[in-house]
N, C-alpha and C. Protein backbone atom coordinates (compact mmCIF):
# COMPACT_ATOMS: atom_id res chain seq x y z
N MET A 1 5.66 16.62 -45.43
CA MET A 1 4.83 17.44 -44.58
C MET A 1 5.74 18.31 -43.72
N THR A 2 5.35 19.53 -43.45
CA THR A 2 6.18 20.44 -42.67
C THR A 2 5.67 20.51 -41.24
N ASN A 3 6.58 20.89 -40.37
CA ASN A 3 6.25 21.06 -38.96
C ASN A 3 6.38 22.53 -38.59
N ARG A 4 5.63 22.93 -37.63
CA ARG A 4 5.67 24.31 -37.17
C ARG A 4 5.78 24.28 -35.63
N ILE A 5 6.59 25.18 -35.08
CA ILE A 5 6.70 25.30 -33.63
C ILE A 5 5.74 26.40 -33.21
N ASN A 6 4.84 26.04 -32.30
CA ASN A 6 3.83 26.98 -31.83
C ASN A 6 3.63 26.74 -30.35
N ASN A 7 3.88 27.75 -29.53
CA ASN A 7 3.73 27.62 -28.08
C ASN A 7 4.54 26.44 -27.53
N GLN A 8 5.75 26.28 -28.03
CA GLN A 8 6.69 25.25 -27.58
C GLN A 8 6.21 23.84 -27.90
N ASN A 9 5.18 23.67 -28.69
CA ASN A 9 4.72 22.36 -29.13
C ASN A 9 5.03 22.24 -30.62
N ILE A 10 5.49 21.09 -31.00
CA ILE A 10 5.71 20.85 -32.42
C ILE A 10 4.50 20.10 -32.93
N ARG A 11 3.89 20.63 -33.96
CA ARG A 11 2.75 19.94 -34.55
C ARG A 11 2.81 20.09 -36.06
N GLN A 12 2.20 19.15 -36.67
CA GLN A 12 2.17 19.17 -38.12
C GLN A 12 1.24 20.27 -38.59
N VAL A 13 1.66 20.95 -39.64
CA VAL A 13 0.81 21.98 -40.21
C VAL A 13 -0.43 21.27 -40.74
N GLY A 14 -1.54 21.81 -40.46
CA GLY A 14 -2.78 21.20 -40.91
C GLY A 14 -3.44 20.36 -39.82
N GLN A 15 -2.70 20.03 -38.77
CA GLN A 15 -3.30 19.28 -37.67
C GLN A 15 -4.17 20.26 -36.90
N SER A 16 -5.43 19.98 -36.82
CA SER A 16 -6.36 20.94 -36.24
C SER A 16 -6.23 21.00 -34.72
N SER A 17 -6.55 22.16 -34.21
CA SER A 17 -6.55 22.31 -32.75
C SER A 17 -7.66 21.47 -32.14
N GLN A 18 -8.69 21.17 -32.92
CA GLN A 18 -9.77 20.31 -32.43
C GLN A 18 -9.24 18.91 -32.14
N ASN A 19 -8.39 18.38 -33.01
CA ASN A 19 -7.78 17.06 -32.77
C ASN A 19 -6.89 17.09 -31.53
N LEU A 20 -6.14 18.18 -31.38
CA LEU A 20 -5.29 18.31 -30.19
C LEU A 20 -6.14 18.35 -28.93
N ASN A 21 -7.25 19.07 -28.96
CA ASN A 21 -8.14 19.15 -27.80
C ASN A 21 -8.74 17.78 -27.48
N LYS A 22 -9.11 17.02 -28.50
CA LYS A 22 -9.65 15.67 -28.27
C LYS A 22 -8.61 14.78 -27.62
N GLN A 23 -7.36 14.88 -28.08
CA GLN A 23 -6.29 14.08 -27.49
C GLN A 23 -6.08 14.46 -26.02
N LYS A 24 -6.11 15.75 -25.75
CA LYS A 24 -5.93 16.23 -24.37
C LYS A 24 -7.10 15.76 -23.49
N ILE A 25 -8.30 15.84 -24.00
CA ILE A 25 -9.49 15.39 -23.25
C ILE A 25 -9.39 13.90 -22.97
N ASN A 26 -8.97 13.13 -23.97
CA ASN A 26 -8.83 11.68 -23.78
C ASN A 26 -7.78 11.36 -22.72
N ARG A 27 -6.66 12.07 -22.73
CA ARG A 27 -5.62 11.86 -21.71
C ARG A 27 -6.14 12.22 -20.33
N ASN A 28 -6.88 13.34 -20.24
CA ASN A 28 -7.43 13.76 -18.96
C ASN A 28 -8.47 12.76 -18.45
N ALA A 29 -9.31 12.25 -19.34
CA ALA A 29 -10.33 11.27 -18.96
C ALA A 29 -9.67 9.99 -18.47
N GLU A 30 -8.61 9.58 -19.16
CA GLU A 30 -7.89 8.37 -18.75
C GLU A 30 -7.25 8.57 -17.37
N ARG A 31 -6.66 9.73 -17.15
CA ARG A 31 -6.03 10.03 -15.85
C ARG A 31 -7.08 10.07 -14.74
N PHE A 32 -8.23 10.71 -15.02
CA PHE A 32 -9.32 10.76 -14.05
C PHE A 32 -9.76 9.35 -13.68
N SER A 33 -9.91 8.49 -14.67
CA SER A 33 -10.32 7.11 -14.43
C SER A 33 -9.33 6.39 -13.52
N GLN A 34 -8.04 6.61 -13.76
CA GLN A 34 -7.02 5.98 -12.92
C GLN A 34 -7.11 6.47 -11.48
N ILE A 35 -7.26 7.77 -11.31
CA ILE A 35 -7.35 8.35 -9.96
C ILE A 35 -8.61 7.85 -9.26
N TYR A 36 -9.72 7.81 -9.98
CA TYR A 36 -10.99 7.34 -9.42
C TYR A 36 -10.88 5.90 -8.96
N GLN A 37 -10.30 5.03 -9.78
CA GLN A 37 -10.13 3.62 -9.41
C GLN A 37 -9.23 3.49 -8.18
N GLN A 38 -8.19 4.30 -8.10
CA GLN A 38 -7.29 4.26 -6.95
C GLN A 38 -8.03 4.69 -5.68
N GLU A 39 -8.88 5.71 -5.79
CA GLU A 39 -9.66 6.17 -4.64
C GLU A 39 -10.61 5.08 -4.15
N ILE A 40 -11.24 4.37 -5.07
CA ILE A 40 -12.13 3.27 -4.69
C ILE A 40 -11.34 2.18 -3.98
N THR A 41 -10.19 1.84 -4.52
CA THR A 41 -9.33 0.83 -3.90
C THR A 41 -8.88 1.28 -2.52
N ASP A 42 -8.45 2.55 -2.40
CA ASP A 42 -8.00 3.07 -1.11
C ASP A 42 -9.13 3.08 -0.09
N LYS A 43 -10.36 3.38 -0.54
CA LYS A 43 -11.49 3.42 0.38
C LYS A 43 -11.78 2.05 0.97
N ASN A 44 -11.54 1.00 0.22
CA ASN A 44 -11.80 -0.35 0.69
C ASN A 44 -10.61 -0.96 1.42
N GLU A 45 -9.48 -0.33 1.35
CA GLU A 45 -8.27 -0.87 1.97
C GLU A 45 -8.25 -0.55 3.46
N ILE A 46 -7.81 -1.53 4.24
CA ILE A 46 -7.68 -1.33 5.68
C ILE A 46 -6.21 -1.18 6.01
N LYS A 47 -5.93 -0.21 6.87
CA LYS A 47 -4.56 -0.02 7.34
C LYS A 47 -4.43 -0.63 8.73
N LEU A 48 -3.22 -1.00 9.08
CA LEU A 48 -2.92 -1.51 10.42
C LEU A 48 -2.04 -0.50 11.13
N SER A 49 -2.45 -0.10 12.31
CA SER A 49 -1.60 0.80 13.09
C SER A 49 -0.37 0.03 13.55
N ALA A 50 0.65 0.75 13.97
CA ALA A 50 1.86 0.11 14.49
C ALA A 50 1.51 -0.77 15.69
N HIS A 51 0.58 -0.29 16.52
CA HIS A 51 0.16 -1.06 17.70
C HIS A 51 -0.52 -2.36 17.28
N ALA A 52 -1.40 -2.28 16.28
CA ALA A 52 -2.10 -3.49 15.80
C ALA A 52 -1.10 -4.48 15.21
N LYS A 53 -0.15 -3.98 14.44
CA LYS A 53 0.88 -4.87 13.87
C LYS A 53 1.65 -5.59 14.98
N GLN A 54 2.00 -4.83 16.01
CA GLN A 54 2.74 -5.41 17.14
C GLN A 54 1.90 -6.47 17.84
N ARG A 55 0.62 -6.18 18.10
CA ARG A 55 -0.25 -7.14 18.78
C ARG A 55 -0.45 -8.40 17.93
N LEU A 56 -0.65 -8.26 16.64
CA LEU A 56 -0.81 -9.42 15.77
C LEU A 56 0.44 -10.29 15.79
N LYS A 57 1.58 -9.64 15.76
CA LYS A 57 2.85 -10.39 15.78
C LYS A 57 3.04 -11.10 17.12
N GLN A 58 2.78 -10.40 18.22
CA GLN A 58 2.91 -10.99 19.55
C GLN A 58 2.01 -12.20 19.73
N ARG A 59 0.84 -12.13 19.14
CA ARG A 59 -0.16 -13.18 19.34
C ARG A 59 -0.16 -14.20 18.21
N ASN A 60 0.84 -14.11 17.35
CA ASN A 60 0.98 -15.03 16.21
C ASN A 60 -0.31 -15.12 15.38
N ILE A 61 -0.89 -13.99 15.12
CA ILE A 61 -2.10 -13.92 14.32
C ILE A 61 -1.72 -13.44 12.92
N GLU A 62 -2.09 -14.24 11.95
CA GLU A 62 -1.86 -13.86 10.55
C GLU A 62 -3.21 -13.69 9.88
N LEU A 63 -3.38 -12.56 9.23
CA LEU A 63 -4.63 -12.28 8.54
C LEU A 63 -4.44 -12.50 7.04
N SER A 64 -5.30 -13.32 6.47
CA SER A 64 -5.26 -13.59 5.04
C SER A 64 -5.97 -12.46 4.30
N GLU A 65 -5.90 -12.50 2.99
CA GLU A 65 -6.61 -11.52 2.18
C GLU A 65 -8.12 -11.64 2.42
N ALA A 66 -8.60 -12.87 2.56
CA ALA A 66 -10.03 -13.09 2.84
C ALA A 66 -10.41 -12.47 4.19
N ASP A 67 -9.53 -12.61 5.18
CA ASP A 67 -9.78 -12.00 6.50
C ASP A 67 -9.86 -10.48 6.37
N MET A 68 -8.91 -9.90 5.63
CA MET A 68 -8.89 -8.44 5.46
C MET A 68 -10.14 -7.97 4.71
N ASN A 69 -10.59 -8.75 3.74
CA ASN A 69 -11.81 -8.40 3.01
C ASN A 69 -13.03 -8.44 3.93
N ALA A 70 -13.08 -9.46 4.80
CA ALA A 70 -14.19 -9.56 5.75
C ALA A 70 -14.17 -8.38 6.71
N LEU A 71 -13.00 -8.02 7.21
CA LEU A 71 -12.88 -6.88 8.12
C LEU A 71 -13.27 -5.58 7.41
N SER A 72 -12.90 -5.48 6.14
CA SER A 72 -13.28 -4.30 5.35
C SER A 72 -14.79 -4.20 5.22
N ARG A 73 -15.45 -5.33 4.97
CA ARG A 73 -16.92 -5.33 4.88
C ARG A 73 -17.53 -4.91 6.21
N GLY A 74 -16.98 -5.42 7.31
CA GLY A 74 -17.48 -5.05 8.63
C GLY A 74 -17.31 -3.57 8.90
N MET A 75 -16.15 -3.04 8.51
CA MET A 75 -15.89 -1.62 8.71
C MET A 75 -16.85 -0.78 7.86
N GLN A 76 -17.15 -1.26 6.65
CA GLN A 76 -18.09 -0.57 5.77
C GLN A 76 -19.48 -0.52 6.41
N LYS A 77 -19.90 -1.63 7.03
CA LYS A 77 -21.20 -1.66 7.70
C LYS A 77 -21.23 -0.67 8.85
N ALA A 78 -20.15 -0.61 9.62
CA ALA A 78 -20.08 0.34 10.73
C ALA A 78 -20.16 1.78 10.20
N GLU A 79 -19.47 2.04 9.12
CA GLU A 79 -19.48 3.38 8.53
C GLU A 79 -20.88 3.75 8.04
N GLU A 80 -21.57 2.81 7.42
CA GLU A 80 -22.93 3.07 6.92
C GLU A 80 -23.89 3.42 8.05
N LYS A 81 -23.64 2.91 9.24
CA LYS A 81 -24.49 3.18 10.39
C LYS A 81 -23.99 4.37 11.22
N GLY A 82 -22.93 5.02 10.75
CA GLY A 82 -22.42 6.20 11.44
C GLY A 82 -21.37 5.91 12.48
N GLY A 83 -20.87 4.69 12.52
CA GLY A 83 -19.82 4.35 13.49
C GLY A 83 -18.52 5.07 13.20
N ARG A 84 -17.83 5.44 14.28
CA ARG A 84 -16.53 6.11 14.13
C ARG A 84 -15.42 5.27 14.74
N GLU A 85 -15.66 4.75 15.92
CA GLU A 85 -14.71 3.86 16.60
C GLU A 85 -15.49 2.59 16.90
N SER A 86 -15.08 1.48 16.31
CA SER A 86 -15.91 0.29 16.36
C SER A 86 -15.14 -0.93 16.88
N LEU A 87 -15.89 -1.80 17.53
CA LEU A 87 -15.39 -3.12 17.91
C LEU A 87 -15.82 -4.07 16.81
N LEU A 88 -14.84 -4.72 16.17
CA LEU A 88 -15.14 -5.69 15.12
C LEU A 88 -14.86 -7.08 15.67
N LEU A 89 -15.89 -7.91 15.73
CA LEU A 89 -15.74 -9.28 16.21
C LEU A 89 -15.72 -10.20 15.00
N TYR A 90 -14.61 -10.92 14.83
CA TYR A 90 -14.42 -11.76 13.66
C TYR A 90 -13.70 -13.03 14.08
N LYS A 91 -14.31 -14.16 13.74
CA LYS A 91 -13.81 -15.47 14.16
C LYS A 91 -13.64 -15.44 15.67
N ASP A 92 -12.46 -15.75 16.18
CA ASP A 92 -12.22 -15.71 17.62
C ASP A 92 -11.36 -14.50 17.99
N LEU A 93 -11.48 -13.45 17.18
CA LEU A 93 -10.68 -12.24 17.38
C LEU A 93 -11.58 -11.03 17.59
N ALA A 94 -11.04 -10.04 18.27
CA ALA A 94 -11.71 -8.75 18.43
C ALA A 94 -10.73 -7.67 17.99
N PHE A 95 -11.24 -6.72 17.24
CA PHE A 95 -10.42 -5.61 16.76
C PHE A 95 -11.10 -4.30 17.14
N ILE A 96 -10.31 -3.34 17.56
CA ILE A 96 -10.81 -1.99 17.72
C ILE A 96 -10.36 -1.25 16.46
N ALA A 97 -11.30 -0.57 15.82
CA ALA A 97 -11.00 0.07 14.55
C ALA A 97 -11.45 1.52 14.52
N SER A 98 -10.63 2.34 13.91
CA SER A 98 -11.04 3.70 13.59
C SER A 98 -11.69 3.62 12.22
N VAL A 99 -13.00 3.74 12.20
CA VAL A 99 -13.75 3.57 10.95
C VAL A 99 -13.43 4.72 10.00
N ARG A 100 -13.35 5.93 10.53
CA ARG A 100 -13.08 7.10 9.69
C ARG A 100 -11.74 6.97 8.97
N ASN A 101 -10.73 6.45 9.66
CA ASN A 101 -9.40 6.30 9.07
C ASN A 101 -9.19 4.95 8.41
N ARG A 102 -10.20 4.06 8.54
CA ARG A 102 -10.10 2.68 8.01
C ARG A 102 -8.83 2.01 8.53
N THR A 103 -8.63 2.13 9.85
CA THR A 103 -7.42 1.61 10.47
C THR A 103 -7.78 0.71 11.64
N LEU A 104 -7.15 -0.48 11.67
CA LEU A 104 -7.27 -1.35 12.85
C LEU A 104 -6.29 -0.83 13.88
N ILE A 105 -6.80 -0.52 15.06
CA ILE A 105 -5.98 0.07 16.11
C ILE A 105 -5.32 -1.00 16.96
N THR A 106 -6.08 -2.04 17.31
CA THR A 106 -5.52 -3.13 18.09
C THR A 106 -6.27 -4.42 17.80
N ALA A 107 -5.64 -5.53 18.17
CA ALA A 107 -6.24 -6.85 17.97
C ALA A 107 -6.12 -7.64 19.26
N VAL A 108 -7.18 -8.36 19.59
CA VAL A 108 -7.22 -9.16 20.80
C VAL A 108 -7.70 -10.55 20.43
N ASP A 109 -7.02 -11.57 20.93
CA ASP A 109 -7.46 -12.94 20.62
C ASP A 109 -8.47 -13.42 21.65
N GLN A 110 -8.99 -14.61 21.44
CA GLN A 110 -10.06 -15.15 22.27
C GLN A 110 -9.68 -15.21 23.76
N ASN A 111 -8.45 -15.57 24.05
CA ASN A 111 -8.03 -15.67 25.45
C ASN A 111 -8.06 -14.34 26.17
N GLU A 112 -7.81 -13.27 25.44
CA GLU A 112 -7.75 -11.95 26.08
C GLU A 112 -9.08 -11.22 26.08
N THR A 113 -10.07 -11.73 25.36
CA THR A 113 -11.37 -11.06 25.34
C THR A 113 -12.20 -11.36 26.58
N LYS A 114 -11.85 -12.45 27.27
CA LYS A 114 -12.61 -12.81 28.47
C LYS A 114 -12.42 -11.76 29.56
N GLU A 115 -13.54 -11.31 30.09
CA GLU A 115 -13.59 -10.32 31.15
C GLU A 115 -12.83 -9.05 30.80
N ASN A 116 -12.81 -8.73 29.53
CA ASN A 116 -12.17 -7.51 29.07
C ASN A 116 -13.24 -6.47 28.80
N VAL A 117 -12.94 -5.22 29.07
CA VAL A 117 -13.87 -4.13 28.83
C VAL A 117 -13.33 -3.29 27.69
N PHE A 118 -14.17 -3.04 26.69
CA PHE A 118 -13.77 -2.21 25.56
C PHE A 118 -14.42 -0.85 25.74
N THR A 119 -13.63 0.19 25.78
CA THR A 119 -14.16 1.54 25.98
C THR A 119 -13.90 2.40 24.75
N ASN A 120 -14.50 3.55 24.74
CA ASN A 120 -14.34 4.53 23.67
C ASN A 120 -14.73 3.99 22.30
N ILE A 121 -15.76 3.16 22.28
CA ILE A 121 -16.30 2.69 21.00
C ILE A 121 -17.74 3.16 20.91
N ASP A 122 -18.22 3.34 19.70
CA ASP A 122 -19.61 3.74 19.52
C ASP A 122 -20.42 2.70 18.76
N SER A 123 -19.76 1.61 18.39
CA SER A 123 -20.47 0.58 17.64
C SER A 123 -19.73 -0.75 17.74
N ALA A 124 -20.44 -1.81 17.46
CA ALA A 124 -19.85 -3.15 17.42
C ALA A 124 -20.43 -3.87 16.22
N VAL A 125 -19.58 -4.61 15.52
CA VAL A 125 -20.01 -5.34 14.34
C VAL A 125 -19.55 -6.80 14.50
N ILE A 126 -20.50 -7.70 14.34
CA ILE A 126 -20.17 -9.13 14.36
C ILE A 126 -20.06 -9.55 12.90
N ILE A 127 -18.88 -9.99 12.51
CA ILE A 127 -18.60 -10.30 11.09
C ILE A 127 -18.60 -11.80 10.90
N GLU A 128 -19.40 -12.25 9.94
CA GLU A 128 -19.41 -13.67 9.60
C GLU A 128 -18.30 -13.96 8.61
N GLU A 129 -17.81 -15.18 8.66
CA GLU A 129 -16.72 -15.56 7.75
C GLU A 129 -17.19 -15.64 6.33
């Protein structure tokens, strides 16, 4: 079988442009699927601000994957109700979160929530374990 160079692509003579188009469409569909799945994953992922990381470390608070999933669900509920800056109450912890950015801004443990005032929030979500 002979090969022909056409538009800098090497293809076998007789290979139809229709087959090439199908291959290209399949590659594009596969790439779209990968990007779409990544967007879904990113939408559900919670980020921690530098301040939140520092507070968690100072207070010896470790969040498991289950904890992060619960916080993600709480953030999703706040978003569905139009929340932008939310207080998330989970276990004996309180988090201030930027719902739009899906970012935990700070974390407060049970000892520090007593007689504390949370400002600049528009919603509060009580998250069950």
